[in-house]
PDB file of all heavy atoms in Angstrom:
ATOM      1  N   VAL A   1      -4.960 -16.892  -6.846  1.00  0.00           N
ATOM      2  CA  VAL A   1      -3.754 -17.562  -6.577  1.00  0.00           C
ATOM      3  C   VAL A   1      -2.617 -16.557  -6.453  1.00  0.00           C
ATOM      4  O   VAL A   1      -2.698 -15.453  -6.975  1.00  0.00           O
ATOM      5  CB  VAL A   1      -3.454 -18.529  -7.739  1.00  0.00           C
ATOM      6  CG1 VAL A   1      -4.504 -19.634  -7.768  1.00  0.00           C
ATOM      7  CG2 VAL A   1      -3.286 -17.843  -9.043  1.00  0.00           C
ATOM      8  N   SER A   2      -1.657 -16.942  -5.683  1.00  0.00           N
ATOM      9  CA  SER A   2      -0.544 -16.066  -5.507  1.00  0.00           C
ATOM     10  C   SER A   2       0.099 -15.591  -6.787  1.00  0.00           C
ATOM     11  O   SER A   2       0.368 -16.318  -7.682  1.00  0.00           O
ATOM     12  CB  SER A   2       0.549 -16.796  -4.605  1.00  0.00           C
ATOM     13  OG  SER A   2       1.466 -15.802  -4.172  1.00  0.00           O
ATOM     14  N   GLY A   3       0.319 -14.211  -6.884  1.00  0.00           N
ATOM     15  CA  GLY A   3       0.822 -13.621  -8.060  1.00  0.00           C
ATOM     16  C   GLY A   3      -0.242 -12.938  -8.959  1.00  0.00           C
ATOM     17  O   GLY A   3       0.108 -12.224  -9.894  1.00  0.00           O
ATOM     18  N   ASP A   4      -1.535 -13.167  -8.632  1.00  0.00           N
ATOM     19  CA  ASP A   4      -2.586 -12.536  -9.384  1.00  0.00           C
ATOM     20  C   ASP A   4      -2.534 -10.992  -9.200  1.00  0.00           C
ATOM     21  O   ASP A   4      -2.356 -10.474  -8.132  1.00  0.00           O
ATOM     22  CB  ASP A   4      -4.013 -12.996  -8.937  1.00  0.00           C
ATOM     23  CG  ASP A   4      -4.421 -14.326  -9.538  1.00  0.00           C
ATOM     24  OD1 ASP A   4      -3.769 -14.837 -10.464  1.00  0.00           O
ATOM     25  OD2 ASP A   4      -5.446 -14.909  -9.018  1.00  0.00           O
ATOM     26  N   GLN A   5      -2.679 -10.280 -10.385  1.00  0.00           N
ATOM     27  CA  GLN A   5      -2.714  -8.841 -10.314  1.00  0.00           C
ATOM     28  C   GLN A   5      -4.192  -8.467 -10.429  1.00  0.00           C
ATOM     29  O   GLN A   5      -4.957  -8.844 -11.350  1.00  0.00           O
ATOM     30  CB  GLN A   5      -1.998  -8.165 -11.514  1.00  0.00           C
ATOM     31  CG  GLN A   5      -0.522  -8.247 -11.270  1.00  0.00           C
ATOM     32  CD  GLN A   5       0.229  -7.351 -12.250  1.00  0.00           C
ATOM     33  OE1 GLN A   5      -0.348  -6.715 -13.093  1.00  0.00           O
ATOM     34  NE2 GLN A   5       1.498  -7.317 -12.008  1.00  0.00           N
ATOM     35  N   ILE A   6      -4.635  -7.624  -9.581  1.00  0.00           N
ATOM     36  CA  ILE A   6      -6.032  -7.127  -9.444  1.00  0.00           C
ATOM     37  C   ILE A   6      -6.032  -5.743  -9.816  1.00  0.00           C
ATOM     38  O   ILE A   6      -5.307  -4.940  -9.271  1.00  0.00           O
ATOM     39  CB  ILE A   6      -6.589  -7.347  -7.979  1.00  0.00           C
ATOM     40  CG1 ILE A   6      -6.493  -8.722  -7.536  1.00  0.00           C
ATOM     41  CG2 ILE A   6      -8.004  -6.815  -7.898  1.00  0.00           C
ATOM     42  CD1 ILE A   6      -6.623  -8.995  -6.022  1.00  0.00           C
ATOM     43  N   ILE A   7      -6.909  -5.335 -10.743  1.00  0.00           N
ATOM     44  CA  ILE A   7      -7.027  -3.922 -11.252  1.00  0.00           C
ATOM     45  C   ILE A   7      -8.293  -3.378 -10.753  1.00  0.00           C
ATOM     46  O   ILE A   7      -9.425  -3.920 -11.234  1.00  0.00           O
ATOM     47  CB  ILE A   7      -6.762  -3.876 -12.745  1.00  0.00           C
ATOM     48  CG1 ILE A   7      -5.360  -4.359 -13.131  1.00  0.00           C
ATOM     49  CG2 ILE A   7      -6.935  -2.391 -13.132  1.00  0.00           C
ATOM     50  CD1 ILE A   7      -5.187  -4.482 -14.673  1.00  0.00           C
ATOM     51  N   LEU A   8      -8.324  -2.342  -9.996  1.00  0.00           N
ATOM     52  CA  LEU A   8      -9.491  -1.606  -9.568  1.00  0.00           C
ATOM     53  C   LEU A   8      -9.294  -0.172  -9.975  1.00  0.00           C
ATOM     54  O   LEU A   8      -8.352   0.460  -9.485  1.00  0.00           O
ATOM     55  CB  LEU A   8      -9.618  -1.681  -8.083  1.00  0.00           C
ATOM     56  CG  LEU A   8      -9.565  -3.059  -7.363  1.00  0.00           C
ATOM     57  CD1 LEU A   8      -9.601  -2.831  -5.842  1.00  0.00           C
ATOM     58  CD2 LEU A   8     -10.727  -3.921  -7.892  1.00  0.00           C
ATOM     59  N   GLY A   9     -10.108   0.356 -10.871  1.00  0.00           N
ATOM     60  CA  GLY A   9      -9.898   1.771 -11.396  1.00  0.00           C
ATOM     61  C   GLY A   9      -8.581   1.856 -11.966  1.00  0.00           C
ATOM     62  O   GLY A   9      -8.214   1.049 -12.921  1.00  0.00           O
ATOM     63  N   ASP A  10      -7.809   2.768 -11.595  1.00  0.00           N
ATOM     64  CA  ASP A  10      -6.371   2.967 -12.045  1.00  0.00           C
ATOM     65  C   ASP A  10      -5.338   2.335 -11.136  1.00  0.00           C
ATOM     66  O   ASP A  10      -4.202   2.661 -11.276  1.00  0.00           O
ATOM     67  CB  ASP A  10      -6.143   4.442 -12.242  1.00  0.00           C
ATOM     68  CG  ASP A  10      -6.953   5.075 -13.416  1.00  0.00           C
ATOM     69  OD1 ASP A  10      -7.190   4.326 -14.348  1.00  0.00           O
ATOM     70  OD2 ASP A  10      -7.287   6.220 -13.265  1.00  0.00           O
ATOM     71  N   THR A  11      -5.781   1.594 -10.174  1.00  0.00           N
ATOM     72  CA  THR A  11      -4.953   1.019  -9.176  1.00  0.00           C
ATOM     73  C   THR A  11      -4.676  -0.466  -9.373  1.00  0.00           C
ATOM     74  O   THR A  11      -5.575  -1.260  -9.708  1.00  0.00           O
ATOM     75  CB  THR A  11      -5.543   1.190  -7.747  1.00  0.00           C
ATOM     76  OG1 THR A  11      -5.825   2.552  -7.482  1.00  0.00           O
ATOM     77  CG2 THR A  11      -4.592   0.672  -6.660  1.00  0.00           C
ATOM     78  N   ILE A  12      -3.432  -0.895  -9.324  1.00  0.00           N
ATOM     79  CA  ILE A  12      -3.032  -2.287  -9.543  1.00  0.00           C
ATOM     80  C   ILE A  12      -2.537  -2.848  -8.184  1.00  0.00           C
ATOM     81  O   ILE A  12      -1.707  -2.313  -7.565  1.00  0.00           O
ATOM     82  CB  ILE A  12      -1.962  -2.486 -10.628  1.00  0.00           C
ATOM     83  CG1 ILE A  12      -2.471  -1.884 -11.943  1.00  0.00           C
ATOM     84  CG2 ILE A  12      -1.632  -3.941 -10.800  1.00  0.00           C
ATOM     85  CD1 ILE A  12      -1.403  -1.920 -13.032  1.00  0.00           C
ATOM     86  N   LEU A  13      -3.156  -4.036  -7.860  1.00  0.00           N
ATOM     87  CA  LEU A  13      -2.807  -4.630  -6.581  1.00  0.00           C
ATOM     88  C   LEU A  13      -2.225  -6.036  -6.951  1.00  0.00           C
ATOM     89  O   LEU A  13      -2.609  -6.669  -7.956  1.00  0.00           O
ATOM     90  CB  LEU A  13      -4.016  -4.887  -5.683  1.00  0.00           C
ATOM     91  CG  LEU A  13      -4.956  -3.653  -5.495  1.00  0.00           C
ATOM     92  CD1 LEU A  13      -6.191  -3.978  -4.811  1.00  0.00           C
ATOM     93  CD2 LEU A  13      -4.124  -2.614  -4.622  1.00  0.00           C
ATOM     94  N   LEU A  14      -1.323  -6.478  -6.080  1.00  0.00           N
ATOM     95  CA  LEU A  14      -0.788  -7.856  -6.236  1.00  0.00           C
ATOM     96  C   LEU A  14      -1.281  -8.721  -5.098  1.00  0.00           C
ATOM     97  O   LEU A  14      -1.061  -8.321  -3.905  1.00  0.00           O
ATOM     98  CB  LEU A  14       0.745  -7.757  -6.354  1.00  0.00           C
ATOM     99  CG  LEU A  14       1.458  -9.101  -6.476  1.00  0.00           C
ATOM    100  CD1 LEU A  14       1.141  -9.722  -7.797  1.00  0.00           C
ATOM    101  CD2 LEU A  14       2.939  -8.834  -6.270  1.00  0.00           C
ATOM    102  N   PHE A  15      -1.880  -9.818  -5.337  1.00  0.00           N
ATOM    103  CA  PHE A  15      -2.255 -10.740  -4.311  1.00  0.00           C
ATOM    104  C   PHE A  15      -1.158 -11.798  -4.112  1.00  0.00           C
ATOM    105  O   PHE A  15      -0.598 -12.331  -5.028  1.00  0.00           O
ATOM    106  CB  PHE A  15      -3.598 -11.525  -4.767  1.00  0.00           C
ATOM    107  CG  PHE A  15      -3.898 -12.641  -3.790  1.00  0.00           C
ATOM    108  CD1 PHE A  15      -4.415 -12.290  -2.537  1.00  0.00           C
ATOM    109  CD2 PHE A  15      -3.667 -13.918  -4.100  1.00  0.00           C
ATOM    110  CE1 PHE A  15      -4.704 -13.351  -1.627  1.00  0.00           C
ATOM    111  CE2 PHE A  15      -3.945 -14.944  -3.202  1.00  0.00           C
ATOM    112  CZ  PHE A  15      -4.502 -14.700  -2.004  1.00  0.00           C
ATOM    113  N   GLU A  16      -0.816 -11.975  -2.922  1.00  0.00           N
ATOM    114  CA  GLU A  16       0.264 -12.923  -2.498  1.00  0.00           C
ATOM    115  C   GLU A  16      -0.194 -13.802  -1.318  1.00  0.00           C
ATOM    116  O   GLU A  16      -0.999 -13.269  -0.527  1.00  0.00           O
ATOM    117  CB  GLU A  16       1.518 -12.152  -2.100  1.00  0.00           C
ATOM    118  CG  GLU A  16       2.051 -11.327  -3.262  1.00  0.00           C
ATOM    119  CD  GLU A  16       3.355 -10.625  -2.856  1.00  0.00           C
ATOM    120  OE1 GLU A  16       3.157  -9.584  -2.166  1.00  0.00           O
ATOM    121  OE2 GLU A  16       4.461 -10.987  -3.229  1.00  0.00           O
ATOM    122  N   GLU A  17       0.218 -14.933  -1.261  1.00  0.00           N
ATOM    123  CA  GLU A  17      -0.078 -15.805  -0.075  1.00  0.00           C
ATOM    124  C   GLU A  17       1.161 -16.662   0.204  1.00  0.00           C
ATOM    125  O   GLU A  17       1.953 -16.925  -0.628  1.00  0.00           O
ATOM    126  CB  GLU A  17      -1.306 -16.660  -0.287  1.00  0.00           C
ATOM    127  CG  GLU A  17      -1.396 -17.609  -1.453  1.00  0.00           C
ATOM    128  CD  GLU A  17      -2.766 -18.227  -1.549  1.00  0.00           C
ATOM    129  OE1 GLU A  17      -3.438 -18.419  -0.600  1.00  0.00           O
ATOM    130  OE2 GLU A  17      -3.085 -18.612  -2.785  1.00  0.00           O
ATOM    131  N   ARG A  18       1.204 -17.049   1.469  1.00  0.00           N
ATOM    132  CA  ARG A  18       2.291 -17.842   1.907  1.00  0.00           C
ATOM    133  C   ARG A  18       2.269 -19.224   1.257  1.00  0.00           C
ATOM    134  O   ARG A  18       1.195 -19.759   1.011  1.00  0.00           O
ATOM    135  CB  ARG A  18       2.066 -18.092   3.460  1.00  0.00           C
ATOM    136  CG  ARG A  18       3.370 -18.701   4.101  1.00  0.00           C
ATOM    137  CD  ARG A  18       3.287 -18.572   5.571  1.00  0.00           C
ATOM    138  NE  ARG A  18       1.986 -18.824   6.076  1.00  0.00           N
ATOM    139  CZ  ARG A  18       1.706 -19.187   7.370  1.00  0.00           C
ATOM    140  NH1 ARG A  18       2.676 -19.536   8.087  1.00  0.00           N
ATOM    141  NH2 ARG A  18       0.460 -19.313   7.757  1.00  0.00           N
ATOM    142  N   ALA A  19       3.386 -19.823   0.951  1.00  0.00           N
ATOM    143  CA  ALA A  19       3.415 -21.099   0.350  1.00  0.00           C
ATOM    144  C   ALA A  19       2.632 -22.151   1.178  1.00  0.00           C
ATOM    145  O   ALA A  19       2.808 -22.173   2.372  1.00  0.00           O
ATOM    146  CB  ALA A  19       4.919 -21.600   0.207  1.00  0.00           C
ATOM    147  N   LYS A  20       1.877 -22.933   0.522  1.00  0.00           N
ATOM    148  CA  LYS A  20       0.978 -23.920   1.193  1.00  0.00           C
ATOM    149  C   LYS A  20       1.822 -25.228   1.412  1.00  0.00           C
ATOM    150  O   LYS A  20       2.746 -25.524   0.561  1.00  0.00           O
ATOM    151  CB  LYS A  20      -0.269 -24.253   0.310  1.00  0.00           C
ATOM    152  CG  LYS A  20      -1.156 -22.998   0.087  1.00  0.00           C
ATOM    153  CD  LYS A  20      -1.943 -22.732   1.294  1.00  0.00           C
ATOM    154  CE  LYS A  20      -2.958 -21.688   0.990  1.00  0.00           C
ATOM    155  NZ  LYS A  20      -2.607 -20.307   0.985  1.00  0.00           N
ATOM    156  N   LYS A  21       1.511 -25.855   2.469  1.00  0.00           N
ATOM    157  CA  LYS A  21       2.091 -27.202   2.680  1.00  0.00           C
ATOM    158  C   LYS A  21       1.554 -28.163   1.648  1.00  0.00           C
ATOM    159  O   LYS A  21       0.346 -28.067   1.228  1.00  0.00           O
ATOM    160  CB  LYS A  21       1.796 -27.702   4.087  1.00  0.00           C
ATOM    161  CG  LYS A  21       2.471 -26.797   5.128  1.00  0.00           C
ATOM    162  CD  LYS A  21       2.175 -27.479   6.486  1.00  0.00           C
ATOM    163  CE  LYS A  21       2.752 -26.554   7.598  1.00  0.00           C
ATOM    164  NZ  LYS A  21       2.435 -27.052   8.879  1.00  0.00           N
ATOM    165  N   ARG A  22       2.292 -29.133   1.275  1.00  0.00           N
ATOM    166  CA  ARG A  22       1.814 -30.172   0.321  1.00  0.00           C
ATOM    167  C   ARG A  22       0.702 -30.897   1.008  1.00  0.00           C
ATOM    168  O   ARG A  22       0.750 -31.345   2.097  1.00  0.00           O
ATOM    169  CB  ARG A  22       2.907 -31.045  -0.053  1.00  0.00           C
ATOM    170  CG  ARG A  22       4.002 -30.550  -0.988  1.00  0.00           C
ATOM    171  CD  ARG A  22       4.949 -31.543  -1.432  1.00  0.00           C
ATOM    172  NE  ARG A  22       5.938 -30.956  -2.195  1.00  0.00           N
ATOM    173  CZ  ARG A  22       7.078 -31.510  -2.362  1.00  0.00           C
ATOM    174  NH1 ARG A  22       7.387 -32.735  -1.814  1.00  0.00           N
ATOM    175  NH2 ARG A  22       7.963 -31.043  -3.224  1.00  0.00           N
ATOM    176  N   THR A  23      -0.296 -31.181   0.156  1.00  0.00           N
ATOM    177  CA  THR A  23      -1.417 -32.009   0.684  1.00  0.00           C
ATOM    178  C   THR A  23      -0.965 -33.515   0.576  1.00  0.00           C
ATOM    179  O   THR A  23       0.019 -33.882  -0.104  1.00  0.00           O
ATOM    180  CB  THR A  23      -2.679 -31.824  -0.154  1.00  0.00           C
ATOM    181  OG1 THR A  23      -2.374 -32.321  -1.520  1.00  0.00           O
ATOM    182  CG2 THR A  23      -3.091 -30.443  -0.247  1.00  0.00           C
ATOM    183  N   ALA A  24      -1.578 -34.398   1.315  1.00  0.00           N
ATOM    184  CA  ALA A  24      -1.334 -35.793   1.272  1.00  0.00           C
ATOM    185  C   ALA A  24      -1.441 -36.344  -0.096  1.00  0.00           C
ATOM    186  O   ALA A  24      -0.703 -37.200  -0.553  1.00  0.00           O
ATOM    187  CB  ALA A  24      -2.322 -36.483   2.269  1.00  0.00           C
TER     188      ALA A  24
END
């Protein structure tokens, strides 16, 4: 989910995604 921090070795990544449209 947007905002998740992924840690691989000594590297930290931030996952982001565009805001989704509301579902019906």
